[in-house]
Amino acid sequence: MDGFEKRKHRRLAVKLYLSCRKVGSPAQKPHAGRTVNVGPGGLYFETTDAEFERGDLAEVRLSVPPTSGLLELGGTMCALCRVLRAENISYPHTGPQSSVVRGVALEFSRPPKLCM
């Protein structure tokens, strides 16, 4: 890596649970995942049960835990996003098989909002 940062916004290493589904997909069940990092312009998450491709539109729901002075009771943030990148990531597994995870980079189409 050359050390040059291409992102417009800085991202923080924040682990949040999320559900995500492709806009226009006939599947009604959202896919589960967990963020690796989040910033004002987008997020990167990992999932084991979703297939996304560059250019897909996705609807994301982030579970935000209670945070003193910010979101006292916790809540869910919703956002419409565009897939910038999707890649397979292999992690070594202690068992006989390796675990394949899909890493997905999303750009917010609109800023996330608190869902009711």
PDB file of N, CA and C in Angstrom:
ATOM      1  N   MET A   1       0.846  -1.183   0.000  1.00  0.00           N
ATOM      2  CA  MET A   1       0.000   0.000   0.000  1.00  0.00           C
ATOM      3  C   MET A   1       0.886   1.241   0.000  1.00  0.00           C
ATOM      4  N   ASP A   2       0.517   2.241  -0.755  1.00  0.00           N
ATOM      5  CA  ASP A   2       1.353   3.423  -0.905  1.00  0.00           C
ATOM      6  C   ASP A   2       1.123   4.482   0.166  1.00  0.00           C
ATOM      7  N   GLY A   3       0.153   4.282   1.084  1.00  0.00           N
ATOM      8  CA  GLY A   3      -0.096   5.226   2.156  1.00  0.00           C
ATOM      9  C   GLY A   3      -0.977   6.395   1.757  1.00  0.00           C
ATOM     10  N   PHE A   4      -1.373   6.493   0.497  1.00  0.00           N
ATOM     11  CA  PHE A   4      -2.229   7.580   0.038  1.00  0.00           C
ATOM     12  C   PHE A   4      -3.681   7.229   0.320  1.00  0.00           C
ATOM     13  N   GLU A   5      -4.371   8.079   1.040  1.00  0.00           N
ATOM     14  CA  GLU A   5      -5.773   7.870   1.388  1.00  0.00           C
ATOM     15  C   GLU A   5      -6.670   8.445   0.301  1.00  0.00           C
ATOM     16  N   LYS A   6      -7.520   7.593  -0.299  1.00  0.00           N
ATOM     17  CA  LYS A   6      -8.399   8.021  -1.381  1.00  0.00           C
ATOM     18  C   LYS A   6      -9.761   8.491  -0.878  1.00  0.00           C
ATOM     19  N   ARG A   7     -10.106   8.182   0.355  1.00  0.00           N
ATOM     20  CA  ARG A   7     -11.414   8.553   0.881  1.00  0.00           C
ATOM     21  C   ARG A   7     -11.520  10.055   1.094  1.00  0.00           C
ATOM     22  N   LYS A   8     -12.731  10.583   0.921  1.00  0.00           N
ATOM     23  CA  LYS A   8     -13.002  11.993   1.172  1.00  0.00           C
ATOM     24  C   LYS A   8     -13.155  12.254   2.668  1.00  0.00           C
ATOM     25  N   HIS A   9     -13.652  11.248   3.402  1.00  0.00           N
ATOM     26  CA  HIS A   9     -13.926  11.386   4.823  1.00  0.00           C
ATOM     27  C   HIS A   9     -13.157  10.336   5.623  1.00  0.00           C
ATOM     28  N   ARG A  10     -12.744  10.718   6.797  1.00  0.00           N
ATOM     29  CA  ARG A  10     -12.054   9.793   7.698  1.00  0.00           C
ATOM     30  C   ARG A  10     -13.058   8.789   8.257  1.00  0.00           C
ATOM     31  N   ARG A  11     -12.640   7.554   8.423  1.00  0.00           N
ATOM     32  CA  ARG A  11     -13.500   6.518   8.985  1.00  0.00           C
ATOM     33  C   ARG A  11     -12.958   6.066  10.329  1.00  0.00           C
ATOM     34  N   LEU A  12     -13.872   5.655  11.198  1.00  0.00           N
ATOM     35  CA  LEU A  12     -13.511   5.161  12.516  1.00  0.00           C
ATOM     36  C   LEU A  12     -13.768   3.668  12.583  1.00  0.00           C
ATOM     37  N   ALA A  13     -12.897   2.956  13.263  1.00  0.00           N
ATOM     38  CA  ALA A  13     -13.071   1.514  13.452  1.00  0.00           C
ATOM     39  C   ALA A  13     -14.179   1.301  14.476  1.00  0.00           C
ATOM     40  N   VAL A  14     -15.401   1.109  13.988  1.00  0.00           N
ATOM     41  CA  VAL A  14     -16.574   0.935  14.835  1.00  0.00           C
ATOM     42  C   VAL A  14     -17.243  -0.371  14.448  1.00  0.00           C
ATOM     43  N   LYS A  15     -17.511  -1.207  15.440  1.00  0.00           N
ATOM     44  CA  LYS A  15     -18.178  -2.484  15.200  1.00  0.00           C
ATOM     45  C   LYS A  15     -19.652  -2.351  15.546  1.00  0.00           C
ATOM     46  N   LEU A  16     -20.506  -2.338  14.524  1.00  0.00           N
ATOM     47  CA  LEU A  16     -21.949  -2.259  14.699  1.00  0.00           C
ATOM     48  C   LEU A  16     -22.610  -3.373  13.900  1.00  0.00           C
ATOM     49  N   TYR A  17     -23.658  -3.957  14.454  1.00  0.00           N
ATOM     50  CA  TYR A  17     -24.422  -4.941  13.696  1.00  0.00           C
ATOM     51  C   TYR A  17     -25.302  -4.210  12.697  1.00  0.00           C
ATOM     52  N   LEU A  18     -25.473  -4.818  11.527  1.00  0.00           N
ATOM     53  CA  LEU A  18     -26.320  -4.209  10.511  1.00  0.00           C
ATOM     54  C   LEU A  18     -27.100  -5.266   9.761  1.00  0.00           C
ATOM     55  N   SER A  19     -28.169  -4.807   9.138  1.00  0.00           N
ATOM     56  CA  SER A  19     -28.885  -5.633   8.172  1.00  0.00           C
ATOM     57  C   SER A  19     -28.889  -4.849   6.872  1.00  0.00           C
ATOM     58  N   CYS A  20     -28.833  -5.571   5.770  1.00  0.00           N
ATOM     59  CA  CYS A  20     -28.677  -4.923   4.476  1.00  0.00           C
ATOM     60  C   CYS A  20     -29.411  -5.744   3.422  1.00  0.00           C
ATOM     61  N   ARG A  21     -30.043  -5.040   2.510  1.00  0.00           N
ATOM     62  CA  ARG A  21     -30.683  -5.735   1.394  1.00  0.00           C
ATOM     63  C   ARG A  21     -30.518  -4.898   0.137  1.00  0.00           C
ATOM     64  N   LYS A  22     -30.436  -5.603  -0.993  1.00  0.00           N
ATOM     65  CA  LYS A  22     -30.353  -4.918  -2.288  1.00  0.00           C
ATOM     66  C   LYS A  22     -31.684  -4.289  -2.608  1.00  0.00           C
ATOM     67  N   VAL A  23     -31.654  -3.049  -3.060  1.00  0.00           N
ATOM     68  CA  VAL A  23     -32.872  -2.364  -3.489  1.00  0.00           C
ATOM     69  C   VAL A  23     -33.340  -3.035  -4.781  1.00  0.00           C
ATOM     70  N   GLY A  24     -34.604  -3.390  -4.835  1.00  0.00           N
ATOM     71  CA  GLY A  24     -35.161  -4.042  -6.015  1.00  0.00           C
ATOM     72  C   GLY A  24     -35.001  -5.544  -6.020  1.00  0.00           C
ATOM     73  N   SER A  25     -34.402  -6.106  -4.974  1.00  0.00           N
ATOM     74  CA  SER A  25     -34.228  -7.554  -4.902  1.00  0.00           C
ATOM     75  C   SER A  25     -35.549  -8.209  -4.511  1.00  0.00           C
ATOM     76  N   PRO A  26     -35.889  -9.349  -5.141  1.00  0.00           N
ATOM     77  CA  PRO A  26     -37.122 -10.032  -4.770  1.00  0.00           C
ATOM     78  C   PRO A  26     -37.052 -10.661  -3.376  1.00  0.00           C
ATOM     79  N   ALA A  27     -35.840 -10.890  -2.864  1.00  0.00           N
ATOM     80  CA  ALA A  27     -35.688 -11.468  -1.524  1.00  0.00           C
ATOM     81  C   ALA A  27     -36.077 -10.427  -0.484  1.00  0.00           C
ATOM     82  N   GLN A  28     -37.008 -10.769   0.375  1.00  0.00           N
ATOM     83  CA  GLN A  28     -37.478  -9.839   1.395  1.00  0.00           C
ATOM     84  C   GLN A  28     -36.624  -9.895   2.668  1.00  0.00           C
ATOM     85  N   LYS A  29     -35.928 -11.007   2.877  1.00  0.00           N
ATOM     86  CA  LYS A  29     -35.123 -11.165   4.077  1.00  0.00           C
ATOM     87  C   LYS A  29     -33.819 -10.375   3.952  1.00  0.00           C
ATOM     88  N   PRO A  30     -33.551  -9.475   4.905  1.00  0.00           N
ATOM     89  CA  PRO A  30     -32.281  -8.747   4.858  1.00  0.00           C
ATOM     90  C   PRO A  30     -31.110  -9.649   5.262  1.00  0.00           C
ATOM     91  N   HIS A  31     -29.928  -9.298   4.810  1.00  0.00           N
ATOM     92  CA  HIS A  31     -28.715 -10.033   5.138  1.00  0.00           C
ATOM     93  C   HIS A  31     -28.051  -9.378   6.340  1.00  0.00           C
ATOM     94  N   ALA A  32     -27.450 -10.191   7.200  1.00  0.00           N
ATOM     95  CA  ALA A  32     -26.800  -9.684   8.409  1.00  0.00           C
ATOM     96  C   ALA A  32     -25.316  -9.456   8.160  1.00  0.00           C
ATOM     97  N   GLY A  33     -24.741  -8.505   8.901  1.00  0.00           N
ATOM     98  CA  GLY A  33     -23.318  -8.230   8.803  1.00  0.00           C
ATOM     99  C   GLY A  33     -22.852  -7.418   9.987  1.00  0.00           C
ATOM    100  N   ARG A  34     -21.582  -7.044   9.961  1.00  0.00           N
ATOM    101  CA  ARG A  34     -20.990  -6.247  11.020  1.00  0.00           C
ATOM    102  C   ARG A  34     -20.009  -5.262  10.404  1.00  0.00           C
ATOM    103  N   THR A  35     -20.105  -3.998  10.804  1.00  0.00           N
ATOM    104  CA  THR A  35     -19.220  -2.984  10.248  1.00  0.00           C
ATOM    105  C   THR A  35     -17.781  -3.203  10.701  1.00  0.00           C
ATOM    106  N   VAL A  36     -16.857  -2.805   9.857  1.00  0.00           N
ATOM    107  CA  VAL A  36     -15.428  -2.768  10.171  1.00  0.00           C
ATOM    108  C   VAL A  36     -15.048  -1.324  10.473  1.00  0.00           C
ATOM    109  N   ASN A  37     -15.577  -0.404   9.650  1.00  0.00           N
ATOM    110  CA  ASN A  37     -15.364   1.023   9.882  1.00  0.00           C
ATOM    111  C   ASN A  37     -16.538   1.807   9.315  1.00  0.00           C
ATOM    112  N   VAL A  38     -16.742   3.009   9.903  1.00  0.00           N
ATOM    113  CA  VAL A  38     -17.859   3.864   9.522  1.00  0.00           C
ATOM    114  C   VAL A  38     -17.367   5.307   9.493  1.00  0.00           C
ATOM    115  N   GLY A  39     -17.847   6.072   8.527  1.00  0.00           N
ATOM    116  CA  GLY A  39     -17.520   7.488   8.438  1.00  0.00           C
ATOM    117  C   GLY A  39     -18.693   8.259   7.885  1.00  0.00           C
ATOM    118  N   PRO A  40     -18.578   9.579   7.775  1.00  0.00           N
ATOM    119  CA  PRO A  40     -19.687  10.382   7.275  1.00  0.00           C
ATOM    120  C   PRO A  40     -20.063  10.082   5.823  1.00  0.00           C
ATOM    121  N   GLY A  41     -19.141   9.525   5.044  1.00  0.00           N
ATOM    122  CA  GLY A  41     -19.417   9.263   3.637  1.00  0.00           C
ATOM    123  C   GLY A  41     -19.790   7.837   3.312  1.00  0.00           C
ATOM    124  N   GLY A  42     -19.570   6.909   4.256  1.00  0.00           N
ATOM    125  CA  GLY A  42     -19.878   5.517   3.970  1.00  0.00           C
ATOM    126  C   GLY A  42     -19.397   4.582   5.050  1.00  0.00           C
ATOM    127  N   LEU A  43     -19.377   3.303   4.715  1.00  0.00           N
ATOM    128  CA  LEU A  43     -18.944   2.287   5.677  1.00  0.00           C
ATOM    129  C   LEU A  43     -18.415   1.069   4.932  1.00  0.00           C
ATOM    130  N   TYR A  44     -17.708   0.240   5.683  1.00  0.00           N
ATOM    131  CA  TYR A  44     -17.223  -1.042   5.167  1.00  0.00           C
ATOM    132  C   TYR A  44     -17.724  -2.098   6.133  1.00  0.00           C
ATOM    133  N   PHE A  45     -18.339  -3.164   5.601  1.00  0.00           N
ATOM    134  CA  PHE A  45     -18.833  -4.221   6.474  1.00  0.00           C
ATOM    135  C   PHE A  45     -18.492  -5.588   5.926  1.00  0.00           C
ATOM    136  N   GLU A  46     -18.597  -6.580   6.810  1.00  0.00           N
ATOM    137  CA  GLU A  46     -18.351  -7.969   6.442  1.00  0.00           C
ATOM    138  C   GLU A  46     -19.621  -8.770   6.669  1.00  0.00           C
ATOM    139  N   THR A  47     -19.870  -9.718   5.770  1.00  0.00           N
ATOM    140  CA  THR A  47     -21.044 -10.569   5.845  1.00  0.00           C
ATOM    141  C   THR A  47     -20.692 -11.951   5.307  1.00  0.00           C
ATOM    142  N   THR A  48     -21.450 -12.945   5.725  1.00  0.00           N
ATOM    143  CA  THR A  48     -21.238 -14.298   5.213  1.00  0.00           C
ATOM    144  C   THR A  48     -22.406 -14.767   4.357  1.00  0.00           C
ATOM    145  N   ASP A  49     -23.445 -13.940   4.262  1.00  0.00           N
ATOM    146  CA  ASP A  49     -24.640 -14.435   3.569  1.00  0.00           C
ATOM    147  C   ASP A  49     -25.209 -13.498   2.509  1.00  0.00           C
ATOM    148  N   ALA A  50     -24.393 -12.615   1.956  1.00  0.00           N
ATOM    149  CA  ALA A  50     -24.941 -11.681   0.963  1.00  0.00           C
ATOM    150  C   ALA A  50     -23.999 -11.527  -0.218  1.00  0.00           C
ATOM    151  N   GLU A  51     -24.567 -11.418  -1.393  1.00  0.00           N
ATOM    152  CA  GLU A  51     -23.804 -11.175  -2.612  1.00  0.00           C
ATOM    153  C   GLU A  51     -24.132  -9.787  -3.134  1.00  0.00           C
ATOM    154  N   PHE A  52     -23.149  -8.922  -3.152  1.00  0.00           N
ATOM    155  CA  PHE A  52     -23.320  -7.578  -3.693  1.00  0.00           C
ATOM    156  C   PHE A  52     -22.294  -7.372  -4.787  1.00  0.00           C
ATOM    157  N   GLU A  53     -22.628  -6.512  -5.739  1.00  0.00           N
ATOM    158  CA  GLU A  53     -21.712  -6.167  -6.815  1.00  0.00           C
ATOM    159  C   GLU A  53     -21.606  -4.659  -6.909  1.00  0.00           C
ATOM    160  N   ARG A  54     -20.493  -4.208  -7.457  1.00  0.00           N
ATOM    161  CA  ARG A  54     -20.256  -2.780  -7.640  1.00  0.00           C
ATOM    162  C   ARG A  54     -21.441  -2.144  -8.370  1.00  0.00           C
ATOM    163  N   GLY A  55     -21.929  -1.024  -7.850  1.00  0.00           N
ATOM    164  CA  GLY A  55     -23.035  -0.308  -8.463  1.00  0.00           C
ATOM    165  C   GLY A  55     -24.399  -0.649  -7.899  1.00  0.00           C
ATOM    166  N   ASP A  56     -24.525  -1.766  -7.166  1.00  0.00           N
ATOM    167  CA  ASP A  56     -25.812  -2.117  -6.555  1.00  0.00           C
ATOM    168  C   ASP A  56     -26.241  -1.029  -5.581  1.00  0.00           C
ATOM    169  N   LEU A  57     -27.541  -0.803  -5.484  1.00  0.00           N
ATOM    170  CA  LEU A  57     -28.092   0.050  -4.438  1.00  0.00           C
ATOM    171  C   LEU A  57     -28.486  -0.843  -3.279  1.00  0.00           C
ATOM    172  N   ALA A  58     -28.206  -0.386  -2.069  1.00  0.00           N
ATOM    173  CA  ALA A  58     -28.497  -1.177  -0.881  1.00  0.00           C
ATOM    174  C   ALA A  58     -29.144  -0.302   0.182  1.00  0.00           C
ATOM    175  N   GLU A  59     -30.054  -0.906   0.915  1.00  0.00           N
ATOM    176  CA  GLU A  59     -30.683  -0.260   2.061  1.00  0.00           C
ATOM    177  C   GLU A  59     -30.069  -0.882   3.312  1.00  0.00           C
ATOM    178  N   VAL A  60     -29.510  -0.040   4.175  1.00  0.00           N
ATOM    179  CA  VAL A  60     -28.783  -0.516   5.357  1.00  0.00           C
ATOM    180  C   VAL A  60     -29.470  -0.020   6.621  1.00  0.00           C
ATOM    181  N   ARG A  61     -29.526  -0.901   7.629  1.00  0.00           N
ATOM    182  CA  ARG A  61     -30.022  -0.549   8.957  1.00  0.00           C
ATOM    183  C   ARG A  61     -28.922  -0.903   9.955  1.00  0.00           C
ATOM    184  N   LEU A  62     -28.400   0.117  10.633  1.00  0.00           N
ATOM    185  CA  LEU A  62     -27.327  -0.060  11.618  1.00  0.00           C
ATOM    186  C   LEU A  62     -27.902  -0.047  13.024  1.00  0.00           C
ATOM    187  N   SER A  63     -27.546  -1.024  13.842  1.00  0.00           N
ATOM    188  CA  SER A  63     -27.958  -1.051  15.244  1.00  0.00           C
ATOM    189  C   SER A  63     -26.927  -0.298  16.059  1.00  0.00           C
ATOM    190  N   VAL A  64     -27.334   0.830  16.635  1.00  0.00           N
ATOM    191  CA  VAL A  64     -26.431   1.670  17.411  1.00  0.00           C
ATOM    192  C   VAL A  64     -26.724   1.443  18.894  1.00  0.00           C
ATOM    193  N   PRO A  65     -25.708   1.025  19.663  1.00  0.00           N
ATOM    194  CA  PRO A  65     -25.936   0.783  21.089  1.00  0.00           C
ATOM    195  C   PRO A  65     -26.139   2.103  21.838  1.00  0.00           C
ATOM    196  N   PRO A  66     -26.726   2.039  23.041  1.00  0.00           N
ATOM    197  CA  PRO A  66     -26.877   3.259  23.838  1.00  0.00           C
ATOM    198  C   PRO A  66     -25.527   3.948  24.035  1.00  0.00           C
ATOM    199  N   THR A  67     -25.498   5.263  23.819  1.00  0.00           N
ATOM    200  CA  THR A  67     -24.269   6.037  23.929  1.00  0.00           C
ATOM    201  C   THR A  67     -24.556   7.293  24.732  1.00  0.00           C
ATOM    202  N   SER A  68     -23.890   7.439  25.851  1.00  0.00           N
ATOM    203  CA  SER A  68     -24.101   8.585  26.725  1.00  0.00           C
ATOM    204  C   SER A  68     -23.836   9.894  25.990  1.00  0.00           C
ATOM    205  N   GLY A  69     -24.800  10.823  26.066  1.00  0.00           N
ATOM    206  CA  GLY A  69     -24.665  12.130  25.454  1.00  0.00           C
ATOM    207  C   GLY A  69     -24.927  12.165  23.965  1.00  0.00           C
ATOM    208  N   LEU A  70     -25.182  11.005  23.352  1.00  0.00           N
ATOM    209  CA  LEU A  70     -25.399  10.961  21.911  1.00  0.00           C
ATOM    210  C   LEU A  70     -26.747  10.328  21.583  1.00  0.00           C
ATOM    211  N   LEU A  71     -26.899   9.076  21.956  1.00  0.00           N
ATOM    212  CA  LEU A  71     -28.125   8.330  21.702  1.00  0.00           C
ATOM    213  C   LEU A  71     -28.375   7.489  22.952  1.00  0.00           C
ATOM    214  N   GLU A  72     -28.968   8.106  23.959  1.00  0.00           N
ATOM    215  CA  GLU A  72     -29.093   7.533  25.296  1.00  0.00           C
ATOM    216  C   GLU A  72     -29.707   6.134  25.322  1.00  0.00           C
ATOM    217  N   LEU A  73     -30.696   5.879  24.498  1.00  0.00           N
ATOM    218  CA  LEU A  73     -31.382   4.587  24.513  1.00  0.00           C
ATOM    219  C   LEU A  73     -30.957   3.668  23.371  1.00  0.00           C
ATOM    220  N   GLY A  74     -30.025   4.101  22.567  1.00  0.00           N
ATOM    221  CA  GLY A  74     -29.647   3.327  21.394  1.00  0.00           C
ATOM    222  C   GLY A  74     -30.689   3.512  20.310  1.00  0.00           C
ATOM    223  N   GLY A  75     -30.525   2.835  19.215  1.00  0.00           N
ATOM    224  CA  GLY A  75     -31.499   2.955  18.140  1.00  0.00           C
ATOM    225  C   GLY A  75     -31.004   2.340  16.856  1.00  0.00           C
ATOM    226  N   THR A  76     -31.719   2.604  15.802  1.00  0.00           N
ATOM    227  CA  THR A  76     -31.384   2.078  14.486  1.00  0.00           C
ATOM    228  C   THR A  76     -31.254   3.235  13.509  1.00  0.00           C
ATOM    229  N   MET A  77     -30.150   3.251  12.785  1.00  0.00           N
ATOM    230  CA  MET A  77     -29.920   4.257  11.754  1.00  0.00           C
ATOM    231  C   MET A  77     -30.155   3.585  10.397  1.00  0.00           C
ATOM    232  N   CYS A  78     -30.836   4.280   9.491  1.00  0.00           N
ATOM    233  CA  CYS A  78     -31.123   3.758   8.160  1.00  0.00           C
ATOM    234  C   CYS A  78     -30.432   4.618   7.106  1.00  0.00           C
ATOM    235  N   ALA A  79     -29.977   3.973   6.038  1.00  0.00           N
ATOM    236  CA  ALA A  79     -29.322   4.716   4.958  1.00  0.00           C
ATOM    237  C   ALA A  79     -29.497   3.984   3.635  1.00  0.00           C
ATOM    238  N   LEU A  80     -29.545   4.768   2.580  1.00  0.00           N
ATOM    239  CA  LEU A  80     -29.524   4.246   1.218  1.00  0.00           C
ATOM    240  C   LEU A  80     -28.089   4.400   0.731  1.00  0.00           C
ATOM    241  N   CYS A  81     -27.522   3.343   0.163  1.00  0.00           N
ATOM    242  CA  CYS A  81     -26.101   3.331  -0.202  1.00  0.00           C
ATOM    243  C   CYS A  81     -25.884   2.763  -1.591  1.00  0.00           C
ATOM    244  N   ARG A  82     -24.716   3.052  -2.135  1.00  0.00           N
ATOM    245  CA  ARG A  82     -24.263   2.454  -3.388  1.00  0.00           C
ATOM    246  C   ARG A  82     -23.028   1.611  -3.078  1.00  0.00           C
ATOM    247  N   VAL A  83     -22.982   0.415  -3.645  1.00  0.00           N
ATOM    248  CA  VAL A  83     -21.834  -0.471  -3.446  1.00  0.00           C
ATOM    249  C   VAL A  83     -20.663   0.033  -4.288  1.00  0.00           C
ATOM    250  N   LEU A  84     -19.546   0.328  -3.624  1.00  0.00           N
ATOM    251  CA  LEU A  84     -18.328   0.756  -4.317  1.00  0.00           C
ATOM    252  C   LEU A  84     -17.424  -0.427  -4.630  1.00  0.00           C
ATOM    253  N   ARG A  85     -17.416  -1.400  -3.712  1.00  0.00           N
ATOM    254  CA  ARG A  85     -16.515  -2.540  -3.862  1.00  0.00           C
ATOM    255  C   ARG A  85     -17.081  -3.712  -3.068  1.00  0.00           C
ATOM    256  N   ALA A  86     -16.921  -4.913  -3.599  1.00  0.00           N
ATOM    257  CA  ALA A  86     -17.291  -6.140  -2.902  1.00  0.00           C
ATOM    258  C   ALA A  86     -16.224  -7.176  -3.203  1.00  0.00           C
ATOM    259  N   GLU A  87     -15.737  -7.825  -2.152  1.00  0.00           N
ATOM    260  CA  GLU A  87     -14.617  -8.757  -2.317  1.00  0.00           C
ATOM    261  C   GLU A  87     -14.726  -9.925  -1.351  1.00  0.00           C
ATOM    262  N   ASN A  88     -14.191 -11.063  -1.745  1.00  0.00           N
ATOM    263  CA  ASN A  88     -14.121 -12.211  -0.850  1.00  0.00           C
ATOM    264  C   ASN A  88     -12.892 -12.081   0.026  1.00  0.00           C
ATOM    265  N   ILE A  89     -13.061 -12.365   1.312  1.00  0.00           N
ATOM    266  CA  ILE A  89     -11.972 -12.322   2.279  1.00  0.00           C
ATOM    267  C   ILE A  89     -11.898 -13.696   2.924  1.00  0.00           C
ATOM    268  N   SER A  90     -10.739 -14.299   2.949  1.00  0.00           N
ATOM    269  CA  SER A  90     -10.568 -15.597   3.593  1.00  0.00           C
ATOM    270  C   SER A  90      -9.827 -15.417   4.906  1.00  0.00           C
ATOM    271  N   TYR A  91     -10.430 -15.922   5.976  1.00  0.00           N
ATOM    272  CA  TYR A  91      -9.787 -15.908   7.288  1.00  0.00           C
ATOM    273  C   TYR A  91      -9.442 -17.346   7.652  1.00  0.00           C
ATOM    274  N   PRO A  92      -8.274 -17.570   8.247  1.00  0.00           N
ATOM    275  CA  PRO A  92      -7.960 -18.929   8.695  1.00  0.00           C
ATOM    276  C   PRO A  92      -8.958 -19.362   9.767  1.00  0.00           C
ATOM    277  N   HIS A  93      -9.329 -20.589   9.716  1.00  0.00           N
ATOM    278  CA  HIS A  93     -10.298 -21.141  10.658  1.00  0.00           C
ATOM    279  C   HIS A  93      -9.601 -22.245  11.443  1.00  0.00           C
ATOM    280  N   THR A  94      -9.991 -22.418  12.679  1.00  0.00           N
ATOM    281  CA  THR A  94      -9.362 -23.450  13.497  1.00  0.00           C
ATOM    282  C   THR A  94      -9.818 -24.853  13.111  1.00  0.00           C
ATOM    283  N   GLY A  95     -10.933 -24.969  12.412  1.00  0.00           N
ATOM    284  CA  GLY A  95     -11.446 -26.271  11.991  1.00  0.00           C
ATOM    285  C   GLY A  95     -10.872 -26.701  10.655  1.00  0.00           C
ATOM    286  N   PRO A  96     -11.432 -27.767  10.073  1.00  0.00           N
ATOM    287  CA  PRO A  96     -10.927 -28.295   8.810  1.00  0.00           C
ATOM    288  C   PRO A  96     -11.209 -27.406   7.597  1.00  0.00           C
ATOM    289  N   GLN A  97     -12.165 -26.482   7.697  1.00  0.00           N
ATOM    290  CA  GLN A  97     -12.499 -25.627   6.563  1.00  0.00           C
ATOM    291  C   GLN A  97     -12.161 -24.172   6.888  1.00  0.00           C
ATOM    292  N   SER A  98     -11.871 -23.395   5.856  1.00  0.00           N
ATOM    293  CA  SER A  98     -11.650 -21.962   6.075  1.00  0.00           C
ATOM    294  C   SER A  98     -12.973 -21.233   5.921  1.00  0.00           C
ATOM    295  N   SER A  99     -13.107 -20.121   6.602  1.00  0.00           N
ATOM    296  CA  SER A  99     -14.322 -19.325   6.561  1.00  0.00           C
ATOM    297  C   SER A  99     -14.171 -18.228   5.511  1.00  0.00           C
ATOM    298  N   VAL A 100     -15.093 -18.162   4.549  1.00  0.00           N
ATOM    299  CA  VAL A 100     -15.052 -17.125   3.521  1.00  0.00           C
ATOM    300  C   VAL A 100     -16.070 -16.053   3.889  1.00  0.00           C
ATOM    301  N   VAL A 101     -15.602 -14.842   3.932  1.00  0.00           N
ATOM    302  CA  VAL A 101     -16.418 -13.693   4.295  1.00  0.00           C
ATOM    303  C   VAL A 101     -16.414 -12.733   3.117  1.00  0.00           C
ATOM    304  N   ARG A 102     -17.505 -12.025   2.913  1.00  0.00           N
ATOM    305  CA  ARG A 102     -17.615 -11.029   1.852  1.00  0.00           C
ATOM    306  C   ARG A 102     -17.444  -9.653   2.483  1.00  0.00           C
ATOM    307  N   GLY A 103     -16.485  -8.868   2.006  1.00  0.00           N
ATOM    308  CA  GLY A 103     -16.275  -7.500   2.456  1.00  0.00           C
ATOM    309  C   GLY A 103     -16.926  -6.558   1.465  1.00  0.00           C
ATOM    310  N   VAL A 104     -17.706  -5.589   1.974  1.00  0.00           N
ATOM    311  CA  VAL A 104     -18.462  -4.691   1.104  1.00  0.00           C
ATOM    312  C   VAL A 104     -18.237  -3.237   1.531  1.00  0.00           C
ATOM    313  N   ALA A 105     -17.804  -2.395   0.585  1.00  0.00           N
ATOM    314  CA  ALA A 105     -17.626  -0.965   0.823  1.00  0.00           C
ATOM    315  C   ALA A 105     -18.841  -0.238   0.259  1.00  0.00           C
ATOM    316  N   LEU A 106     -19.481   0.588   1.099  1.00  0.00           N
ATOM    317  CA  LEU A 106     -20.675   1.317   0.697  1.00  0.00           C
ATOM    318  C   LEU A 106     -20.454   2.818   0.822  1.00  0.00           C
ATOM    319  N   GLU A 107     -21.031   3.561  -0.111  1.00  0.00           N
ATOM    320  CA  GLU A 107     -21.042   5.019  -0.052  1.00  0.00           C
ATOM    321  C   GLU A 107     -22.480   5.446   0.209  1.00  0.00           C
ATOM    322  N   PHE A 108     -22.676   6.306   1.220  1.00  0.00           N
ATOM    323  CA  PHE A 108     -24.023   6.786   1.518  1.00  0.00           C
ATOM    324  C   PHE A 108     -24.529   7.652   0.369  1.00  0.00           C
ATOM    325  N   SER A 109     -25.739   7.357  -0.126  1.00  0.00           N
ATOM    326  CA  SER A 109     -26.387   8.199  -1.128  1.00  0.00           C
ATOM    327  C   SER A 109     -27.005   9.422  -0.457  1.00  0.00           C
ATOM    328  N   ARG A 110     -27.443   9.229   0.772  1.00  0.00           N
ATOM    329  CA  ARG A 110     -27.962  10.275   1.646  1.00  0.00           C
ATOM    330  C   ARG A 110     -27.412  10.006   3.042  1.00  0.00           C
ATOM    331  N   PRO A 111     -27.287  11.022   3.870  1.00  0.00           N
ATOM    332  CA  PRO A 111     -26.806  10.773   5.234  1.00  0.00           C
ATOM    333  C   PRO A 111     -27.747   9.819   5.974  1.00  0.00           C
ATOM    334  N   PRO A 112     -27.210   8.938   6.824  1.00  0.00           N
ATOM    335  CA  PRO A 112     -28.063   8.038   7.613  1.00  0.00           C
ATOM    336  C   PRO A 112     -28.995   8.838   8.521  1.00  0.00           C
ATOM    337  N   LYS A 113     -30.167   8.261   8.757  1.00  0.00           N
ATOM    338  CA  LYS A 113     -31.171   8.892   9.619  1.00  0.00           C
ATOM    339  C   LYS A 113     -31.642   7.896  10.667  1.00  0.00           C
ATOM    340  N   LEU A 114     -32.087   8.422  11.786  1.00  0.00           N
ATOM    341  CA  LEU A 114     -32.650   7.583  12.834  1.00  0.00           C
ATOM    342  C   LEU A 114     -33.968   7.012  12.349  1.00  0.00           C
ATOM    343  N   CYS A 115     -34.129   5.687  12.434  1.00  0.00           N
ATOM    344  CA  CYS A 115     -35.363   5.008  12.004  1.00  0.00           C
ATOM    345  C   CYS A 115     -36.295   4.839  13.184  1.00  0.00           C
ATOM    346  N   MET A 116     -37.538   4.872  12.920  1.00  0.00           N
ATOM    347  CA  MET A 116     -38.540   4.636  13.966  1.00  0.00           C
ATOM    348  C   MET A 116     -39.201   3.308  13.743  1.00  0.00           C
TER     349      MET A 116
END
